[in-house]
PDB file of N, CA and C in Angstrom:
ATOM      1  N   MET A   1      20.624 -79.007  16.846  1.00  0.00           N
ATOM      2  CA  MET A   1      21.893 -78.284  16.933  1.00  0.00           C
ATOM      3  C   MET A   1      22.583 -78.237  15.563  1.00  0.00           C
ATOM      4  N   PRO A   2      22.005 -77.540  14.627  1.00  0.00           N
ATOM      5  CA  PRO A   2      22.596 -77.522  13.289  1.00  0.00           C
ATOM      6  C   PRO A   2      23.922 -76.784  13.219  1.00  0.00           C
ATOM      7  N   LYS A   3      24.128 -75.821  14.098  1.00  0.00           N
ATOM      8  CA  LYS A   3      25.391 -75.079  14.037  1.00  0.00           C
ATOM      9  C   LYS A   3      26.572 -75.995  14.338  1.00  0.00           C
ATOM     10  N   GLN A   4      26.386 -76.880  15.296  1.00  0.00           N
ATOM     11  CA  GLN A   4      27.476 -77.788  15.640  1.00  0.00           C
ATOM     12  C   GLN A   4      27.763 -78.759  14.500  1.00  0.00           C
ATOM     13  N   ASP A   5      26.720 -79.239  13.862  1.00  0.00           N
ATOM     14  CA  ASP A   5      26.908 -80.185  12.763  1.00  0.00           C
ATOM     15  C   ASP A   5      27.660 -79.539  11.609  1.00  0.00           C
ATOM     16  N   SER A   6      27.216 -78.357  11.206  1.00  0.00           N
ATOM     17  CA  SER A   6      27.869 -77.694  10.074  1.00  0.00           C
ATOM     18  C   SER A   6      29.276 -77.253  10.446  1.00  0.00           C
ATOM     19  N   ALA A   7      29.477 -76.869  11.695  1.00  0.00           N
ATOM     20  CA  ALA A   7      30.813 -76.474  12.142  1.00  0.00           C
ATOM     21  C   ALA A   7      31.763 -77.669  12.107  1.00  0.00           C
ATOM     22  N   ALA A   8      31.262 -78.828  12.481  1.00  0.00           N
ATOM     23  CA  ALA A   8      32.101 -80.033  12.460  1.00  0.00           C
ATOM     24  C   ALA A   8      32.480 -80.401  11.027  1.00  0.00           C
ATOM     25  N   ARG A   9      31.521 -80.294  10.117  1.00  0.00           N
ATOM     26  CA  ARG A   9      31.821 -80.591   8.712  1.00  0.00           C
ATOM     27  C   ARG A   9      32.836 -79.595   8.151  1.00  0.00           C
ATOM     28  N   ARG A  10      32.640 -78.325   8.457  1.00  0.00           N
ATOM     29  CA  ARG A  10      33.557 -77.290   7.980  1.00  0.00           C
ATOM     30  C   ARG A  10      34.952 -77.505   8.553  1.00  0.00           C
ATOM     31  N   ARG A  11      35.015 -77.892   9.822  1.00  0.00           N
ATOM     32  CA  ARG A  11      36.305 -78.136  10.475  1.00  0.00           C
ATOM     33  C   ARG A  11      37.056 -79.268   9.787  1.00  0.00           C
ATOM     34  N   LEU A  12      36.358 -80.335   9.436  1.00  0.00           N
ATOM     35  CA  LEU A  12      36.993 -81.454   8.738  1.00  0.00           C
ATOM     36  C   LEU A  12      37.542 -81.024   7.382  1.00  0.00           C
ATOM     37  N   ARG A  13      36.751 -80.253   6.634  1.00  0.00           N
ATOM     38  CA  ARG A  13      37.217 -79.773   5.329  1.00  0.00           C
ATOM     39  C   ARG A  13      38.427 -78.867   5.485  1.00  0.00           C
ATOM     40  N   ASN A  14      38.357 -77.955   6.448  1.00  0.00           N
ATOM     41  CA  ASN A  14      39.462 -77.013   6.653  1.00  0.00           C
ATOM     42  C   ASN A  14      40.735 -77.735   7.070  1.00  0.00           C
ATOM     43  N   ARG A  15      40.610 -78.724   7.943  1.00  0.00           N
ATOM     44  CA  ARG A  15      41.785 -79.483   8.384  1.00  0.00           C
ATOM     45  C   ARG A  15      42.417 -80.210   7.210  1.00  0.00           C
ATOM     46  N   SER A  16      41.595 -80.755   6.344  1.00  0.00           N
ATOM     47  CA  SER A  16      42.103 -81.466   5.179  1.00  0.00           C
ATOM     48  C   SER A  16      42.879 -80.525   4.263  1.00  0.00           C
ATOM     49  N   VAL A  17      42.324 -79.352   4.010  1.00  0.00           N
ATOM     50  CA  VAL A  17      42.985 -78.381   3.132  1.00  0.00           C
ATOM     51  C   VAL A  17      44.288 -77.908   3.758  1.00  0.00           C
ATOM     52  N   ARG A  18      44.264 -77.612   5.059  1.00  0.00           N
ATOM     53  CA  ARG A  18      45.481 -77.170   5.750  1.00  0.00           C
ATOM     54  C   ARG A  18      46.552 -78.248   5.721  1.00  0.00           C
ATOM     55  N   SER A  19      46.139 -79.490   5.856  1.00  0.00           N
ATOM     56  CA  SER A  19      47.088 -80.599   5.830  1.00  0.00           C
ATOM     57  C   SER A  19      47.783 -80.684   4.477  1.00  0.00           C
ATOM     58  N   VAL A  20      47.033 -80.517   3.407  1.00  0.00           N
ATOM     59  CA  VAL A  20      47.616 -80.546   2.060  1.00  0.00           C
ATOM     60  C   VAL A  20      48.614 -79.406   1.900  1.00  0.00           C
ATOM     61  N   VAL A  21      48.250 -78.229   2.395  1.00  0.00           N
ATOM     62  CA  VAL A  21      49.139 -77.065   2.293  1.00  0.00           C
ATOM     63  C   VAL A  21      50.439 -77.324   3.047  1.00  0.00           C
ATOM     64  N   LYS A  22      50.326 -77.842   4.261  1.00  0.00           N
ATOM     65  CA  LYS A  22      51.520 -78.105   5.066  1.00  0.00           C
ATOM     66  C   LYS A  22      52.412 -79.155   4.409  1.00  0.00           C
ATOM     67  N   THR A  23      51.805 -80.214   3.895  1.00  0.00           N
ATOM     68  CA  THR A  23      52.570 -81.281   3.258  1.00  0.00           C
ATOM     69  C   THR A  23      53.323 -80.767   2.036  1.00  0.00           C
ATOM     70  N   CYS A  24      52.622 -80.033   1.182  1.00  0.00           N
ATOM     71  CA  CYS A  24      53.262 -79.504  -0.036  1.00  0.00           C
ATOM     72  C   CYS A  24      54.364 -78.511   0.309  1.00  0.00           C
ATOM     73  N   SER A  25      54.112 -77.652   1.284  1.00  0.00           N
ATOM     74  CA  SER A  25      55.102 -76.640   1.654  1.00  0.00           C
ATOM     75  C   SER A  25      56.349 -77.277   2.253  1.00  0.00           C
ATOM     76  N   SER A  26      56.160 -78.234   3.141  1.00  0.00           N
ATOM     77  CA  SER A  26      57.322 -78.860   3.775  1.00  0.00           C
ATOM     78  C   SER A  26      58.121 -79.674   2.764  1.00  0.00           C
ATOM     79  N   LYS A  27      57.435 -80.322   1.831  1.00  0.00           N
ATOM     80  CA  LYS A  27      58.112 -81.080   0.784  1.00  0.00           C
ATOM     81  C   LYS A  27      58.954 -80.139  -0.083  1.00  0.00           C
ATOM     82  N   ALA A  28      58.388 -78.998  -0.430  1.00  0.00           N
ATOM     83  CA  ALA A  28      59.108 -78.020  -1.254  1.00  0.00           C
ATOM     84  C   ALA A  28      60.318 -77.468  -0.513  1.00  0.00           C
ATOM     85  N   GLU A  29      60.140 -77.126   0.759  1.00  0.00           N
ATOM     86  CA  GLU A  29      61.254 -76.581   1.540  1.00  0.00           C
ATOM     87  C   GLU A  29      62.375 -77.601   1.694  1.00  0.00           C
ATOM     88  N   GLU A  30      62.010 -78.863   1.866  1.00  0.00           N
ATOM     89  CA  GLU A  30      63.022 -79.909   2.011  1.00  0.00           C
ATOM     90  C   GLU A  30      63.836 -80.057   0.727  1.00  0.00           C
ATOM     91  N   LEU A  31      63.157 -80.057  -0.409  1.00  0.00           N
ATOM     92  CA  LEU A  31      63.857 -80.187  -1.688  1.00  0.00           C
ATOM     93  C   LEU A  31      64.735 -78.971  -1.970  1.00  0.00           C
ATOM     94  N   VAL A  32      64.268 -77.799  -1.585  1.00  0.00           N
ATOM     95  CA  VAL A  32      65.067 -76.584  -1.775  1.00  0.00           C
ATOM     96  C   VAL A  32      66.316 -76.646  -0.907  1.00  0.00           C
ATOM     97  N   SER A  33      66.165 -77.104   0.324  1.00  0.00           N
ATOM     98  CA  SER A  33      67.319 -77.165   1.227  1.00  0.00           C
ATOM     99  C   SER A  33      68.342 -78.202   0.764  1.00  0.00           C
ATOM    100  N   ARG A  34      67.873 -79.253   0.057  1.00  0.00           N
ATOM    101  CA  ARG A  34      68.790 -80.264  -0.474  1.00  0.00           C
ATOM    102  C   ARG A  34      69.359 -79.868  -1.833  1.00  0.00           C
ATOM    103  N   LYS A  35      68.963 -78.697  -2.326  1.00  0.00           N
ATOM    104  CA  LYS A  35      69.455 -78.137  -3.593  1.00  0.00           C
ATOM    105  C   LYS A  35      69.097 -78.996  -4.808  1.00  0.00           C
ATOM    106  N   GLU A  36      67.963 -79.683  -4.736  1.00  0.00           N
ATOM    107  CA  GLU A  36      67.461 -80.436  -5.888  1.00  0.00           C
ATOM    108  C   GLU A  36      66.531 -79.503  -6.664  1.00  0.00           C
ATOM    109  N   THR A  37      67.112 -78.698  -7.543  1.00  0.00           N
ATOM    110  CA  THR A  37      66.375 -77.586  -8.132  1.00  0.00           C
ATOM    111  C   THR A  37      65.211 -78.012  -9.025  1.00  0.00           C
ATOM    112  N   ASP A  38      65.389 -79.022  -9.847  1.00  0.00           N
ATOM    113  CA  ASP A  38      64.300 -79.419 -10.748  1.00  0.00           C
ATOM    114  C   ASP A  38      63.087 -79.912  -9.966  1.00  0.00           C
ATOM    115  N   ALA A  39      63.329 -80.791  -9.028  1.00  0.00           N
ATOM    116  CA  ALA A  39      62.235 -81.307  -8.204  1.00  0.00           C
ATOM    117  C   ALA A  39      61.671 -80.210  -7.310  1.00  0.00           C
ATOM    118  N   ALA A  40      62.540 -79.325  -6.835  1.00  0.00           N
ATOM    119  CA  ALA A  40      62.096 -78.242  -5.957  1.00  0.00           C
ATOM    120  C   ALA A  40      61.175 -77.285  -6.697  1.00  0.00           C
ATOM    121  N   LYS A  41      61.487 -76.997  -7.955  1.00  0.00           N
ATOM    122  CA  LYS A  41      60.629 -76.092  -8.737  1.00  0.00           C
ATOM    123  C   LYS A  41      59.229 -76.665  -8.876  1.00  0.00           C
ATOM    124  N   LYS A  42      59.141 -77.963  -9.164  1.00  0.00           N
ATOM    125  CA  LYS A  42      57.832 -78.606  -9.292  1.00  0.00           C
ATOM    126  C   LYS A  42      57.092 -78.599  -7.956  1.00  0.00           C
ATOM    127  N   ALA A  43      57.824 -78.855  -6.877  1.00  0.00           N
ATOM    128  CA  ALA A  43      57.207 -78.887  -5.553  1.00  0.00           C
ATOM    129  C   ALA A  43      56.719 -77.502  -5.140  1.00  0.00           C
ATOM    130  N   VAL A  44      57.478 -76.472  -5.491  1.00  0.00           N
ATOM    131  CA  VAL A  44      57.065 -75.104  -5.156  1.00  0.00           C
ATOM    132  C   VAL A  44      55.797 -74.745  -5.925  1.00  0.00           C
ATOM    133  N   VAL A  45      55.715 -75.151  -7.179  1.00  0.00           N
ATOM    134  CA  VAL A  45      54.504 -74.888  -7.968  1.00  0.00           C
ATOM    135  C   VAL A  45      53.301 -75.581  -7.325  1.00  0.00           C
ATOM    136  N   GLU A  46      53.489 -76.811  -6.860  1.00  0.00           N
ATOM    137  CA  GLU A  46      52.408 -77.534  -6.182  1.00  0.00           C
ATOM    138  C   GLU A  46      52.004 -76.834  -4.892  1.00  0.00           C
ATOM    139  N   ALA A  47      52.994 -76.358  -4.140  1.00  0.00           N
ATOM    140  CA  ALA A  47      52.710 -75.673  -2.883  1.00  0.00           C
ATOM    141  C   ALA A  47      51.951 -74.377  -3.132  1.00  0.00           C
ATOM    142  N   VAL A  48      52.354 -73.634  -4.154  1.00  0.00           N
ATOM    143  CA  VAL A  48      51.666 -72.383  -4.493  1.00  0.00           C
ATOM    144  C   VAL A  48      50.225 -72.676  -4.897  1.00  0.00           C
ATOM    145  N   SER A  49      50.031 -73.729  -5.660  1.00  0.00           N
ATOM    146  CA  SER A  49      48.686 -74.118  -6.067  1.00  0.00           C
ATOM    147  C   SER A  49      47.831 -74.487  -4.855  1.00  0.00           C
ATOM    148  N   ALA A  50      48.409 -75.230  -3.931  1.00  0.00           N
ATOM    149  CA  ALA A  50      47.679 -75.626  -2.720  1.00  0.00           C
ATOM    150  C   ALA A  50      47.318 -74.401  -1.887  1.00  0.00           C
ATOM    151  N   LEU A  51      48.244 -73.447  -1.787  1.00  0.00           N
ATOM    152  CA  LEU A  51      47.962 -72.220  -1.042  1.00  0.00           C
ATOM    153  C   LEU A  51      46.830 -71.433  -1.699  1.00  0.00           C
ATOM    154  N   ASP A  52      46.857 -71.329  -3.020  1.00  0.00           N
ATOM    155  CA  ASP A  52      45.800 -70.606  -3.729  1.00  0.00           C
ATOM    156  C   ASP A  52      44.440 -71.275  -3.535  1.00  0.00           C
ATOM    157  N   LYS A  53      44.434 -72.601  -3.544  1.00  0.00           N
ATOM    158  CA  LYS A  53      43.179 -73.323  -3.330  1.00  0.00           C
ATOM    159  C   LYS A  53      42.656 -73.107  -1.908  1.00  0.00           C
ATOM    160  N   ALA A  54      43.579 -73.042  -0.942  1.00  0.00           N
ATOM    161  CA  ALA A  54      43.172 -72.809   0.444  1.00  0.00           C
ATOM    162  C   ALA A  54      42.567 -71.417   0.599  1.00  0.00           C
ATOM    163  N   VAL A  55      43.138 -70.443  -0.097  1.00  0.00           N
ATOM    164  CA  VAL A  55      42.580 -69.084  -0.055  1.00  0.00           C
ATOM    165  C   VAL A  55      41.198 -69.076  -0.688  1.00  0.00           C
ATOM    166  N   LYS A  56      41.068 -69.748  -1.815  1.00  0.00           N
ATOM    167  CA  LYS A  56      39.788 -69.792  -2.520  1.00  0.00           C
ATOM    168  C   LYS A  56      38.709 -70.438  -1.657  1.00  0.00           C
ATOM    169  N   ALA A  57      39.097 -71.440  -0.879  1.00  0.00           N
ATOM    170  CA  ALA A  57      38.150 -72.124   0.001  1.00  0.00           C
ATOM    171  C   ALA A  57      37.881 -71.334   1.278  1.00  0.00           C
ATOM    172  N   GLY A  58      38.650 -70.264   1.499  1.00  0.00           N
ATOM    173  CA  GLY A  58      38.448 -69.448   2.690  1.00  0.00           C
ATOM    174  C   GLY A  58      39.083 -70.030   3.934  1.00  0.00           C
ATOM    175  N   VAL A  59      40.039 -70.920   3.760  1.00  0.00           N
ATOM    176  CA  VAL A  59      40.664 -71.581   4.906  1.00  0.00           C
ATOM    177  C   VAL A  59      41.758 -70.709   5.506  1.00  0.00           C
ATOM    178  N   ILE A  60      42.545 -70.047   4.653  1.00  0.00           N
ATOM    179  CA  ILE A  60      43.587 -69.149   5.157  1.00  0.00           C
ATOM    180  C   ILE A  60      43.413 -67.769   4.535  1.00  0.00           C
ATOM    181  N   HIS A  61      43.970 -66.783   5.185  1.00  0.00           N
ATOM    182  CA  HIS A  61      43.866 -65.393   4.731  1.00  0.00           C
ATOM    183  C   HIS A  61      44.749 -65.187   3.497  1.00  0.00           C
ATOM    184  N   PRO A  62      44.301 -64.380   2.555  1.00  0.00           N
ATOM    185  CA  PRO A  62      45.101 -64.145   1.341  1.00  0.00           C
ATOM    186  C   PRO A  62      46.497 -63.590   1.615  1.00  0.00           C
ATOM    187  N   ASN A  63      46.625 -62.732   2.605  1.00  0.00           N
ATOM    188  CA  ASN A  63      47.942 -62.171   2.919  1.00  0.00           C
ATOM    189  C   ASN A  63      48.886 -63.242   3.460  1.00  0.00           C
ATOM    190  N   LYS A  64      48.346 -64.176   4.234  1.00  0.00           N
ATOM    191  CA  LYS A  64      49.173 -65.258   4.766  1.00  0.00           C
ATOM    192  C   LYS A  64      49.676 -66.137   3.626  1.00  0.00           C
ATOM    193  N   ALA A  65      48.806 -66.413   2.670  1.00  0.00           N
ATOM    194  CA  ALA A  65      49.213 -67.217   1.517  1.00  0.00           C
ATOM    195  C   ALA A  65      50.269 -66.485   0.704  1.00  0.00           C
ATOM    196  N   ALA A  66      50.082 -65.189   0.515  1.00  0.00           N
ATOM    197  CA  ALA A  66      51.053 -64.399  -0.250  1.00  0.00           C
ATOM    198  C   ALA A  66      52.408 -64.401   0.440  1.00  0.00           C
ATOM    199  N   ARG A  67      52.399 -64.287   1.757  1.00  0.00           N
ATOM    200  CA  ARG A  67      53.650 -64.287   2.520  1.00  0.00           C
ATOM    201  C   ARG A  67      54.362 -65.631   2.392  1.00  0.00           C
ATOM    202  N   ARG A  68      53.613 -66.710   2.512  1.00  0.00           N
ATOM    203  CA  ARG A  68      54.214 -68.043   2.399  1.00  0.00           C
ATOM    204  C   ARG A  68      54.760 -68.301   1.000  1.00  0.00           C
ATOM    205  N   LYS A  69      54.002 -67.881  -0.023  1.00  0.00           N
ATOM    206  CA  LYS A  69      54.465 -68.056  -1.403  1.00  0.00           C
ATOM    207  C   LYS A  69      55.736 -67.259  -1.633  1.00  0.00           C
ATOM    208  N   SER A  70      55.765 -66.046  -1.116  1.00  0.00           N
ATOM    209  CA  SER A  70      56.937 -65.188  -1.286  1.00  0.00           C
ATOM    210  C   SER A  70      58.164 -65.810  -0.632  1.00  0.00           C
ATOM    211  N   ARG A  71      58.003 -66.342   0.551  1.00  0.00           N
ATOM    212  CA  ARG A  71      59.134 -66.947   1.259  1.00  0.00           C
ATOM    213  C   ARG A  71      59.632 -68.207   0.547  1.00  0.00           C
ATOM    214  N   LEU A  72      58.693 -69.003   0.034  1.00  0.00           N
ATOM    215  CA  LEU A  72      59.091 -70.198  -0.712  1.00  0.00           C
ATOM    216  C   LEU A  72      59.872 -69.823  -1.967  1.00  0.00           C
ATOM    217  N   MET A  73      59.356 -68.847  -2.702  1.00  0.00           N
ATOM    218  CA  MET A  73      60.033 -68.410  -3.931  1.00  0.00           C
ATOM    219  C   MET A  73      61.406 -67.826  -3.626  1.00  0.00           C
ATOM    220  N   LYS A  74      61.487 -67.095  -2.534  1.00  0.00           N
ATOM    221  CA  LYS A  74      62.763 -66.493  -2.139  1.00  0.00           C
ATOM    222  C   LYS A  74      63.800 -67.579  -1.862  1.00  0.00           C
ATOM    223  N   LYS A  75      63.399 -68.616  -1.127  1.00  0.00           N
ATOM    224  CA  LYS A  75      64.313 -69.723  -0.830  1.00  0.00           C
ATOM    225  C   LYS A  75      64.726 -70.449  -2.107  1.00  0.00           C
ATOM    226  N   LEU A  76      63.766 -70.666  -2.996  1.00  0.00           N
ATOM    227  CA  LEU A  76      64.064 -71.349  -4.256  1.00  0.00           C
ATOM    228  C   LEU A  76      65.033 -70.529  -5.103  1.00  0.00           C
ATOM    229  N   ASN A  77      64.795 -69.230  -5.198  1.00  0.00           N
ATOM    230  CA  ASN A  77      65.672 -68.370  -5.997  1.00  0.00           C
ATOM    231  C   ASN A  77      67.081 -68.319  -5.428  1.00  0.00           C
ATOM    232  N   GLN A  78      67.208 -68.287  -4.105  1.00  0.00           N
ATOM    233  CA  GLN A  78      68.533 -68.280  -3.487  1.00  0.00           C
ATOM    234  C   GLN A  78      69.257 -69.596  -3.752  1.00  0.00           C
ATOM    235  N   ALA A  79      68.534 -70.698  -3.702  1.00  0.00           N
ATOM    236  CA  ALA A  79      69.152 -72.009  -3.932  1.00  0.00           C
ATOM    237  C   ALA A  79      69.607 -72.149  -5.383  1.00  0.00           C
ATOM    238  N   THR A  80      68.785 -71.693  -6.321  1.00  0.00           N
ATOM    239  CA  THR A  80      69.163 -71.816  -7.733  1.00  0.00           C
ATOM    240  C   THR A  80      70.282 -70.841  -8.086  1.00  0.00           C
ATOM    241  N   LYS A  81      70.287 -69.672  -7.451  1.00  0.00           N
ATOM    242  CA  LYS A  81      71.334 -68.684  -7.722  1.00  0.00           C
ATOM    243  C   LYS A  81      72.680 -69.164  -7.199  1.00  0.00           C
ATOM    244  N   SER A  82      72.688 -69.769  -6.022  1.00  0.00           N
ATOM    245  CA  SER A  82      73.943 -70.249  -5.439  1.00  0.00           C
ATOM    246  C   SER A  82      74.491 -71.448  -6.212  1.00  0.00           C
ATOM    247  N   GLN A  83      73.598 -72.199  -6.838  1.00  0.00           N
ATOM    248  CA  GLN A  83      74.025 -73.374  -7.586  1.00  0.00           C
ATOM    249  C   GLN A  83      74.565 -72.999  -8.968  1.00  0.00           C
ATOM    250  N   ALA A  84      74.060 -71.918  -9.531  1.00  0.00           N
ATOM    251  CA  ALA A  84      74.468 -71.519 -10.894  1.00  0.00           C
ATOM    252  C   ALA A  84      75.862 -70.934 -10.950  1.00  0.00           C
TER     253      ALA A  84
END
């Protein structure tokens, strides 16, 4: 049953990548909501990098990554604009 074996390995890799994406994204959103702009900028860059890596690995669709990156950047820009 090689299909099951390879599917299980792929599932583990995909879950790991998705977990990293979720962790980075939630960390960035939390920092943006607390208006910690310097830390939030770094966290958003990490989240964008994680999303790009997930797309490269074929774990998520490119449009989904683009949408998430856009929403993160939008929140960050609104937070920095309101603070300035």
